[in-house]
Amino acid sequence: MALIITDECINCDVCELACPNQAISQGEFIYQIDPNHCTECVGHYDEPQCVQVCPVACIPVNPAVIETKEQLLAKYEQLQEGKSDEQ
């Protein structure tokens, strides 16, 4: 499952810096999460770091993008392969 940032976002910037996959960026009005890069921190941490640092608890699971832990791990591995290809 990817995460989503709701309109309760206060644009505090902490989630973007906490994301190890660079899945979070500033949208038109609030931050947004790219579901193609969000692994809920699987492969990096035990819990999603953006959720941990968010002061207003506005980052729930995105019901439109349901993935298993195994799918998230596969996405993490694919993203890591892409990083090594860039170097």
PDB file of N, CA and C in Angstrom:
ATOM      1  N   MET A   1       0.848  -1.180   0.000  1.00  0.00           N
ATOM      2  CA  MET A   1       0.000   0.000   0.000  1.00  0.00           C
ATOM      3  C   MET A   1       0.885   1.232   0.000  1.00  0.00           C
ATOM      4  N   ALA A   2       0.576   2.139  -0.823  1.00  0.00           N
ATOM      5  CA  ALA A   2       1.255   3.422  -0.782  1.00  0.00           C
ATOM      6  C   ALA A   2       0.495   4.307   0.205  1.00  0.00           C
ATOM      7  N   LEU A   3       1.115   5.356   0.595  1.00  0.00           N
ATOM      8  CA  LEU A   3       0.493   6.308   1.506  1.00  0.00           C
ATOM      9  C   LEU A   3       0.009   7.512   0.712  1.00  0.00           C
ATOM     10  N   ILE A   4      -0.802   8.326   1.345  1.00  0.00           N
ATOM     11  CA  ILE A   4      -1.327   9.531   0.713  1.00  0.00           C
ATOM     12  C   ILE A   4      -1.316  10.651   1.748  1.00  0.00           C
ATOM     13  N   ILE A   5      -1.122  11.864   1.298  1.00  0.00           N
ATOM     14  CA  ILE A   5      -1.170  13.029   2.184  1.00  0.00           C
ATOM     15  C   ILE A   5      -2.507  13.718   1.978  1.00  0.00           C
ATOM     16  N   THR A   6      -3.229  13.918   3.073  1.00  0.00           N
ATOM     17  CA  THR A   6      -4.563  14.519   2.986  1.00  0.00           C
ATOM     18  C   THR A   6      -4.471  16.047   3.050  1.00  0.00           C
ATOM     19  N   ASP A   7      -5.611  16.689   2.838  1.00  0.00           N
ATOM     20  CA  ASP A   7      -5.629  18.157   2.817  1.00  0.00           C
ATOM     21  C   ASP A   7      -5.474  18.780   4.206  1.00  0.00           C
ATOM     22  N   GLU A   8      -5.299  17.971   5.240  1.00  0.00           N
ATOM     23  CA  GLU A   8      -4.952  18.513   6.555  1.00  0.00           C
ATOM     24  C   GLU A   8      -3.479  18.909   6.627  1.00  0.00           C
ATOM     25  N   CYS A   9      -2.708  18.597   5.594  1.00  0.00           N
ATOM     26  CA  CYS A   9      -1.280  18.915   5.523  1.00  0.00           C
ATOM     27  C   CYS A   9      -1.061  20.402   5.764  1.00  0.00           C
ATOM     28  N   ILE A  10      -0.073  20.713   6.605  1.00  0.00           N
ATOM     29  CA  ILE A  10       0.250  22.113   6.907  1.00  0.00           C
ATOM     30  C   ILE A  10       1.533  22.571   6.203  1.00  0.00           C
ATOM     31  N   ASN A  11       2.028  21.770   5.267  1.00  0.00           N
ATOM     32  CA  ASN A  11       3.231  22.112   4.490  1.00  0.00           C
ATOM     33  C   ASN A  11       4.440  22.416   5.375  1.00  0.00           C
ATOM     34  N   CYS A  12       4.653  21.584   6.366  1.00  0.00           N
ATOM     35  CA  CYS A  12       5.766  21.816   7.304  1.00  0.00           C
ATOM     36  C   CYS A  12       7.108  21.324   6.762  1.00  0.00           C
ATOM     37  N   ASP A  13       7.108  20.566   5.683  1.00  0.00           N
ATOM     38  CA  ASP A  13       8.316  20.095   4.993  1.00  0.00           C
ATOM     39  C   ASP A  13       9.002  18.877   5.611  1.00  0.00           C
ATOM     40  N   VAL A  14       8.624  18.414   6.792  1.00  0.00           N
ATOM     41  CA  VAL A  14       9.388  17.345   7.428  1.00  0.00           C
ATOM     42  C   VAL A  14       9.226  15.990   6.735  1.00  0.00           C
ATOM     43  N   CYS A  15       8.082  15.730   6.141  1.00  0.00           N
ATOM     44  CA  CYS A  15       7.864  14.428   5.500  1.00  0.00           C
ATOM     45  C   CYS A  15       8.770  14.243   4.288  1.00  0.00           C
ATOM     46  N   GLU A  16       8.940  15.289   3.523  1.00  0.00           N
ATOM     47  CA  GLU A  16       9.763  15.196   2.308  1.00  0.00           C
ATOM     48  C   GLU A  16      11.187  14.777   2.653  1.00  0.00           C
ATOM     49  N   LEU A  17      11.736  15.368   3.686  1.00  0.00           N
ATOM     50  CA  LEU A  17      13.106  15.050   4.099  1.00  0.00           C
ATOM     51  C   LEU A  17      13.219  13.660   4.710  1.00  0.00           C
ATOM     52  N   ALA A  18      12.144  13.164   5.297  1.00  0.00           N
ATOM     53  CA  ALA A  18      12.163  11.863   5.963  1.00  0.00           C
ATOM     54  C   ALA A  18      12.043  10.687   4.998  1.00  0.00           C
ATOM     55  N   CYS A  19      11.594  10.923   3.781  1.00  0.00           N
ATOM     56  CA  CYS A  19      11.328   9.836   2.837  1.00  0.00           C
ATOM     57  C   CYS A  19      12.625   9.323   2.191  1.00  0.00           C
ATOM     58  N   PRO A  20      12.971   8.056   2.416  1.00  0.00           N
ATOM     59  CA  PRO A  20      14.205   7.518   1.837  1.00  0.00           C
ATOM     60  C   PRO A  20      14.111   7.227   0.335  1.00  0.00           C
ATOM     61  N   ASN A  21      12.902   7.245  -0.208  1.00  0.00           N
ATOM     62  CA  ASN A  21      12.718   6.950  -1.633  1.00  0.00           C
ATOM     63  C   ASN A  21      12.448   8.191  -2.480  1.00  0.00           C
ATOM     64  N   GLN A  22      12.511   9.361  -1.888  1.00  0.00           N
ATOM     65  CA  GLN A  22      12.187  10.596  -2.593  1.00  0.00           C
ATOM     66  C   GLN A  22      10.818  10.511  -3.261  1.00  0.00           C
ATOM     67  N   ALA A  23       9.857   9.892  -2.561  1.00  0.00           N
ATOM     68  CA  ALA A  23       8.503   9.738  -3.092  1.00  0.00           C
ATOM     69  C   ALA A  23       7.623  10.939  -2.780  1.00  0.00           C
ATOM     70  N   ILE A  24       8.086  11.824  -1.919  1.00  0.00           N
ATOM     71  CA  ILE A  24       7.275  12.967  -1.486  1.00  0.00           C
ATOM     72  C   ILE A  24       7.808  14.246  -2.118  1.00  0.00           C
ATOM     73  N   SER A  25       6.878  15.025  -2.671  1.00  0.00           N
ATOM     74  CA  SER A  25       7.256  16.311  -3.271  1.00  0.00           C
ATOM     75  C   SER A  25       6.144  17.323  -3.031  1.00  0.00           C
ATOM     76  N   GLN A  26       6.486  18.582  -3.206  1.00  0.00           N
ATOM     77  CA  GLN A  26       5.510  19.647  -3.034  1.00  0.00           C
ATOM     78  C   GLN A  26       4.561  19.648  -4.209  1.00  0.00           C
ATOM     79  N   GLY A  27       3.274  19.569  -3.924  1.00  0.00           N
ATOM     80  CA  GLY A  27       2.260  19.660  -4.964  1.00  0.00           C
ATOM     81  C   GLY A  27       1.805  21.096  -5.108  1.00  0.00           C
ATOM     82  N   GLU A  28       0.704  21.289  -5.788  1.00  0.00           N
ATOM     83  CA  GLU A  28       0.202  22.642  -6.006  1.00  0.00           C
ATOM     84  C   GLU A  28      -0.164  23.332  -4.686  1.00  0.00           C
ATOM     85  N   PHE A  29      -0.814  22.592  -3.788  1.00  0.00           N
ATOM     86  CA  PHE A  29      -1.241  23.182  -2.521  1.00  0.00           C
ATOM     87  C   PHE A  29      -0.628  22.504  -1.300  1.00  0.00           C
ATOM     88  N   ILE A  30      -0.446  21.188  -1.369  1.00  0.00           N
ATOM     89  CA  ILE A  30       0.120  20.424  -0.264  1.00  0.00           C
ATOM     90  C   ILE A  30       1.128  19.426  -0.823  1.00  0.00           C
ATOM     91  N   TYR A  31       1.837  18.772   0.067  1.00  0.00           N
ATOM     92  CA  TYR A  31       2.765  17.735  -0.379  1.00  0.00           C
ATOM     93  C   TYR A  31       1.992  16.557  -0.939  1.00  0.00           C
ATOM     94  N   GLN A  32       2.656  15.789  -1.814  1.00  0.00           N
ATOM     95  CA  GLN A  32       2.032  14.629  -2.429  1.00  0.00           C
ATOM     96  C   GLN A  32       3.022  13.471  -2.423  1.00  0.00           C
ATOM     97  N   ILE A  33       2.478  12.265  -2.490  1.00  0.00           N
ATOM     98  CA  ILE A  33       3.303  11.055  -2.488  1.00  0.00           C
ATOM     99  C   ILE A  33       3.118  10.334  -3.818  1.00  0.00           C
ATOM    100  N   ASP A  34       4.226  10.025  -4.472  1.00  0.00           N
ATOM    101  CA  ASP A  34       4.203   9.269  -5.724  1.00  0.00           C
ATOM    102  C   ASP A  34       4.076   7.784  -5.367  1.00  0.00           C
ATOM    103  N   PRO A  35       2.944   7.148  -5.677  1.00  0.00           N
ATOM    104  CA  PRO A  35       2.763   5.745  -5.304  1.00  0.00           C
ATOM    105  C   PRO A  35       3.742   4.805  -5.994  1.00  0.00           C
ATOM    106  N   ASN A  36       4.356   5.246  -7.085  1.00  0.00           N
ATOM    107  CA  ASN A  36       5.345   4.415  -7.772  1.00  0.00           C
ATOM    108  C   ASN A  36       6.673   4.364  -7.029  1.00  0.00           C
ATOM    109  N   HIS A  37       6.879   5.300  -6.100  1.00  0.00           N
ATOM    110  CA  HIS A  37       8.114   5.334  -5.324  1.00  0.00           C
ATOM    111  C   HIS A  37       7.902   5.057  -3.843  1.00  0.00           C
ATOM    112  N   CYS A  38       6.670   5.074  -3.388  1.00  0.00           N
ATOM    113  CA  CYS A  38       6.387   4.840  -1.972  1.00  0.00           C
ATOM    114  C   CYS A  38       6.389   3.348  -1.669  1.00  0.00           C
ATOM    115  N   THR A  39       7.239   2.938  -0.735  1.00  0.00           N
ATOM    116  CA  THR A  39       7.284   1.548  -0.280  1.00  0.00           C
ATOM    117  C   THR A  39       6.877   1.452   1.188  1.00  0.00           C
ATOM    118  N   GLU A  40       6.308   2.531   1.723  1.00  0.00           N
ATOM    119  CA  GLU A  40       5.995   2.618   3.150  1.00  0.00           C
ATOM    120  C   GLU A  40       7.249   2.343   3.975  1.00  0.00           C
ATOM    121  N   CYS A  41       8.382   2.670   3.407  1.00  0.00           N
ATOM    122  CA  CYS A  41       9.705   2.503   4.002  1.00  0.00           C
ATOM    123  C   CYS A  41      10.135   1.048   4.144  1.00  0.00           C
ATOM    124  N   VAL A  42       9.385   0.108   3.540  1.00  0.00           N
ATOM    125  CA  VAL A  42       9.810  -1.286   3.526  1.00  0.00           C
ATOM    126  C   VAL A  42      11.176  -1.348   2.843  1.00  0.00           C
ATOM    127  N   GLY A  43      12.107  -2.051   3.457  1.00  0.00           N
ATOM    128  CA  GLY A  43      13.472  -2.137   2.944  1.00  0.00           C
ATOM    129  C   GLY A  43      14.396  -1.129   3.597  1.00  0.00           C
ATOM    130  N   HIS A  44      13.822  -0.077   4.164  1.00  0.00           N
ATOM    131  CA  HIS A  44      14.618   0.951   4.838  1.00  0.00           C
ATOM    132  C   HIS A  44      14.384   0.941   6.347  1.00  0.00           C
ATOM    133  N   TYR A  45      13.121   0.972   6.747  1.00  0.00           N
ATOM    134  CA  TYR A  45      12.741   1.098   8.158  1.00  0.00           C
ATOM    135  C   TYR A  45      11.561   0.184   8.467  1.00  0.00           C
ATOM    136  N   ASP A  46      11.304  -0.008   9.743  1.00  0.00           N
ATOM    137  CA  ASP A  46      10.173  -0.838  10.176  1.00  0.00           C
ATOM    138  C   ASP A  46       8.836  -0.123  10.030  1.00  0.00           C
ATOM    139  N   GLU A  47       8.848   1.207  10.055  1.00  0.00           N
ATOM    140  CA  GLU A  47       7.623   1.993   9.956  1.00  0.00           C
ATOM    141  C   GLU A  47       7.833   3.152   9.003  1.00  0.00           C
ATOM    142  N   PRO A  48       6.764   3.604   8.339  1.00  0.00           N
ATOM    143  CA  PRO A  48       6.894   4.751   7.430  1.00  0.00           C
ATOM    144  C   PRO A  48       7.393   5.992   8.183  1.00  0.00           C
ATOM    145  N   GLN A  49       8.491   6.524   7.727  1.00  0.00           N
ATOM    146  CA  GLN A  49       9.107   7.663   8.402  1.00  0.00           C
ATOM    147  C   GLN A  49       8.281   8.931   8.289  1.00  0.00           C
ATOM    148  N   CYS A  50       7.593   9.126   7.176  1.00  0.00           N
ATOM    149  CA  CYS A  50       6.773  10.327   7.025  1.00  0.00           C
ATOM    150  C   CYS A  50       5.655  10.347   8.059  1.00  0.00           C
ATOM    151  N   VAL A  51       5.075   9.181   8.317  1.00  0.00           N
ATOM    152  CA  VAL A  51       4.013   9.086   9.319  1.00  0.00           C
ATOM    153  C   VAL A  51       4.580   9.398  10.697  1.00  0.00           C
ATOM    154  N   GLN A  52       5.790   8.924  10.956  1.00  0.00           N
ATOM    155  CA  GLN A  52       6.424   9.140  12.257  1.00  0.00           C
ATOM    156  C   GLN A  52       6.686  10.615  12.537  1.00  0.00           C
ATOM    157  N   VAL A  53       7.068  11.373  11.518  1.00  0.00           N
ATOM    158  CA  VAL A  53       7.449  12.768  11.739  1.00  0.00           C
ATOM    159  C   VAL A  53       6.320  13.769  11.522  1.00  0.00           C
ATOM    160  N   CYS A  54       5.216  13.342  10.931  1.00  0.00           N
ATOM    161  CA  CYS A  54       4.119  14.268  10.622  1.00  0.00           C
ATOM    162  C   CYS A  54       3.467  14.793  11.905  1.00  0.00           C
ATOM    163  N   PRO A  55       3.457  16.107  12.101  1.00  0.00           N
ATOM    164  CA  PRO A  55       2.886  16.670  13.328  1.00  0.00           C
ATOM    165  C   PRO A  55       1.361  16.720  13.363  1.00  0.00           C
ATOM    166  N   VAL A  56       0.705  16.508  12.214  1.00  0.00           N
ATOM    167  CA  VAL A  56      -0.758  16.593  12.191  1.00  0.00           C
ATOM    168  C   VAL A  56      -1.429  15.277  11.789  1.00  0.00           C
ATOM    169  N   ALA A  57      -0.672  14.214  11.676  1.00  0.00           N
ATOM    170  CA  ALA A  57      -1.211  12.886  11.357  1.00  0.00           C
ATOM    171  C   ALA A  57      -2.118  12.896  10.129  1.00  0.00           C
ATOM    172  N   CYS A  58      -1.573  13.397   9.023  1.00  0.00           N
ATOM    173  CA  CYS A  58      -2.369  13.500   7.792  1.00  0.00           C
ATOM    174  C   CYS A  58      -1.873  12.563   6.694  1.00  0.00           C
ATOM    175  N   ILE A  59      -1.230  11.442   7.075  1.00  0.00           N
ATOM    176  CA  ILE A  59      -0.677  10.535   6.074  1.00  0.00           C
ATOM    177  C   ILE A  59      -1.206   9.111   6.305  1.00  0.00           C
ATOM    178  N   PRO A  60      -2.414   8.837   5.821  1.00  0.00           N
ATOM    179  CA  PRO A  60      -2.968   7.480   5.936  1.00  0.00           C
ATOM    180  C   PRO A  60      -2.586   6.623   4.733  1.00  0.00           C
ATOM    181  N   VAL A  61      -2.970   5.355   4.792  1.00  0.00           N
ATOM    182  CA  VAL A  61      -2.807   4.450   3.654  1.00  0.00           C
ATOM    183  C   VAL A  61      -3.730   4.914   2.537  1.00  0.00           C
ATOM    184  N   ASN A  62      -3.226   4.874   1.325  1.00  0.00           N
ATOM    185  CA  ASN A  62      -4.010   5.243   0.151  1.00  0.00           C
ATOM    186  C   ASN A  62      -4.864   4.046  -0.255  1.00  0.00           C
ATOM    187  N   PRO A  63      -6.179   4.120  -0.094  1.00  0.00           N
ATOM    188  CA  PRO A  63      -7.029   2.968  -0.423  1.00  0.00           C
ATOM    189  C   PRO A  63      -7.056   2.635  -1.914  1.00  0.00           C
ATOM    190  N   ALA A  64      -6.590   3.536  -2.751  1.00  0.00           N
ATOM    191  CA  ALA A  64      -6.574   3.294  -4.197  1.00  0.00           C
ATOM    192  C   ALA A  64      -5.341   2.498  -4.632  1.00  0.00           C
ATOM    193  N   VAL A  65      -4.360   2.363  -3.738  1.00  0.00           N
ATOM    194  CA  VAL A  65      -3.124   1.657  -4.074  1.00  0.00           C
ATOM    195  C   VAL A  65      -2.835   0.625  -2.980  1.00  0.00           C
ATOM    196  N   ILE A  66      -3.401  -0.561  -3.143  1.00  0.00           N
ATOM    197  CA  ILE A  66      -3.253  -1.623  -2.157  1.00  0.00           C
ATOM    198  C   ILE A  66      -2.140  -2.567  -2.607  1.00  0.00           C
ATOM    199  N   GLU A  67      -1.120  -2.727  -1.758  1.00  0.00           N
ATOM    200  CA  GLU A  67       0.007  -3.607  -2.063  1.00  0.00           C
ATOM    201  C   GLU A  67       0.351  -4.417  -0.816  1.00  0.00           C
ATOM    202  N   THR A  68       0.826  -5.637  -1.035  1.00  0.00           N
ATOM    203  CA  THR A  68       1.263  -6.479   0.069  1.00  0.00           C
ATOM    204  C   THR A  68       2.681  -6.090   0.476  1.00  0.00           C
ATOM    205  N   LYS A  69       3.116  -6.584   1.613  1.00  0.00           N
ATOM    206  CA  LYS A  69       4.484  -6.344   2.070  1.00  0.00           C
ATOM    207  C   LYS A  69       5.483  -6.881   1.038  1.00  0.00           C
ATOM    208  N   GLU A  70       5.154  -8.009   0.434  1.00  0.00           N
ATOM    209  CA  GLU A  70       6.037  -8.594  -0.578  1.00  0.00           C
ATOM    210  C   GLU A  70       6.127  -7.697  -1.814  1.00  0.00           C
ATOM    211  N   GLN A  71       4.999  -7.116  -2.226  1.00  0.00           N
ATOM    212  CA  GLN A  71       5.005  -6.207  -3.373  1.00  0.00           C
ATOM    213  C   GLN A  71       5.809  -4.943  -3.058  1.00  0.00           C
ATOM    214  N   LEU A  72       5.676  -4.452  -1.827  1.00  0.00           N
ATOM    215  CA  LEU A  72       6.438  -3.264  -1.422  1.00  0.00           C
ATOM    216  C   LEU A  72       7.934  -3.563  -1.421  1.00  0.00           C
ATOM    217  N   LEU A  73       8.310  -4.741  -0.942  1.00  0.00           N
ATOM    218  CA  LEU A  73       9.716  -5.127  -0.933  1.00  0.00           C
ATOM    219  C   LEU A  73      10.246  -5.256  -2.364  1.00  0.00           C
ATOM    220  N   ALA A  74       9.451  -5.817  -3.262  1.00  0.00           N
ATOM    221  CA  ALA A  74       9.859  -5.928  -4.667  1.00  0.00           C
ATOM    222  C   ALA A  74      10.031  -4.535  -5.285  1.00  0.00           C
ATOM    223  N   LYS A  75       9.133  -3.622  -4.941  1.00  0.00           N
ATOM    224  CA  LYS A  75       9.256  -2.244  -5.445  1.00  0.00           C
ATOM    225  C   LYS A  75      10.533  -1.596  -4.903  1.00  0.00           C
ATOM    226  N   TYR A  76      10.792  -1.801  -3.612  1.00  0.00           N
ATOM    227  CA  TYR A  76      12.023  -1.287  -2.993  1.00  0.00           C
ATOM    228  C   TYR A  76      13.249  -1.803  -3.753  1.00  0.00           C
ATOM    229  N   GLU A  77      13.287  -3.118  -4.021  1.00  0.00           N
ATOM    230  CA  GLU A  77      14.433  -3.704  -4.715  1.00  0.00           C
ATOM    231  C   GLU A  77      14.581  -3.137  -6.122  1.00  0.00           C
ATOM    232  N   GLN A  78      13.456  -2.927  -6.801  1.00  0.00           N
ATOM    233  CA  GLN A  78      13.491  -2.342  -8.142  1.00  0.00           C
ATOM    234  C   GLN A  78      14.014  -0.900  -8.089  1.00  0.00           C
ATOM    235  N   LEU A  79      13.570  -0.139  -7.101  1.00  0.00           N
ATOM    236  CA  LEU A  79      14.055   1.237  -6.962  1.00  0.00           C
ATOM    237  C   LEU A  79      15.549   1.261  -6.665  1.00  0.00           C
ATOM    238  N   GLN A  80      16.037   0.312  -5.868  1.00  0.00           N
ATOM    239  CA  GLN A  80      17.460   0.240  -5.552  1.00  0.00           C
ATOM    240  C   GLN A  80      18.271  -0.115  -6.785  1.00  0.00           C
ATOM    241  N   GLU A  81      17.739  -1.012  -7.609  1.00  0.00           N
ATOM    242  CA  GLU A  81      18.416  -1.362  -8.867  1.00  0.00           C
ATOM    243  C   GLU A  81      18.519  -0.150  -9.766  1.00  0.00           C
ATOM    244  N   GLY A  82      17.457   0.650  -9.822  1.00  0.00           N
ATOM    245  CA  GLY A  82      17.460   1.867 -10.630  1.00  0.00           C
ATOM    246  C   GLY A  82      18.493   2.867 -10.158  1.00  0.00           C
ATOM    247  N   LYS A  83      18.695   2.941  -8.855  1.00  0.00           N
ATOM    248  CA  LYS A  83      19.711   3.846  -8.303  1.00  0.00           C
ATOM    249  C   LYS A  83      21.112   3.385  -8.698  1.00  0.00           C
ATOM    250  N   SER A  84      21.359   2.080  -8.652  1.00  0.00           N
ATOM    251  CA  SER A  84      22.688   1.584  -8.998  1.00  0.00           C
ATOM    252  C   SER A  84      22.953   1.727 -10.491  1.00  0.00           C
ATOM    253  N   ASP A  85      21.893   1.658 -11.312  1.00  0.00           N
ATOM    254  CA  ASP A  85      22.047   1.857 -12.748  1.00  0.00           C
ATOM    255  C   ASP A  85      22.414   3.303 -13.082  1.00  0.00           C
ATOM    256  N   GLU A  86      21.967   4.244 -12.247  1.00  0.00           N
ATOM    257  CA  GLU A  86      22.226   5.666 -12.486  1.00  0.00           C
ATOM    258  C   GLU A  86      23.680   6.035 -12.155  1.00  0.00           C
ATOM    259  N   GLN A  87      24.315   5.240 -11.296  1.00  0.00           N
ATOM    260  CA  GLN A  87      25.664   5.606 -10.850  1.00  0.00           C
ATOM    261  C   GLN A  87      26.743   5.167 -11.787  1.00  0.00           C
TER     262      GLN A  87
END
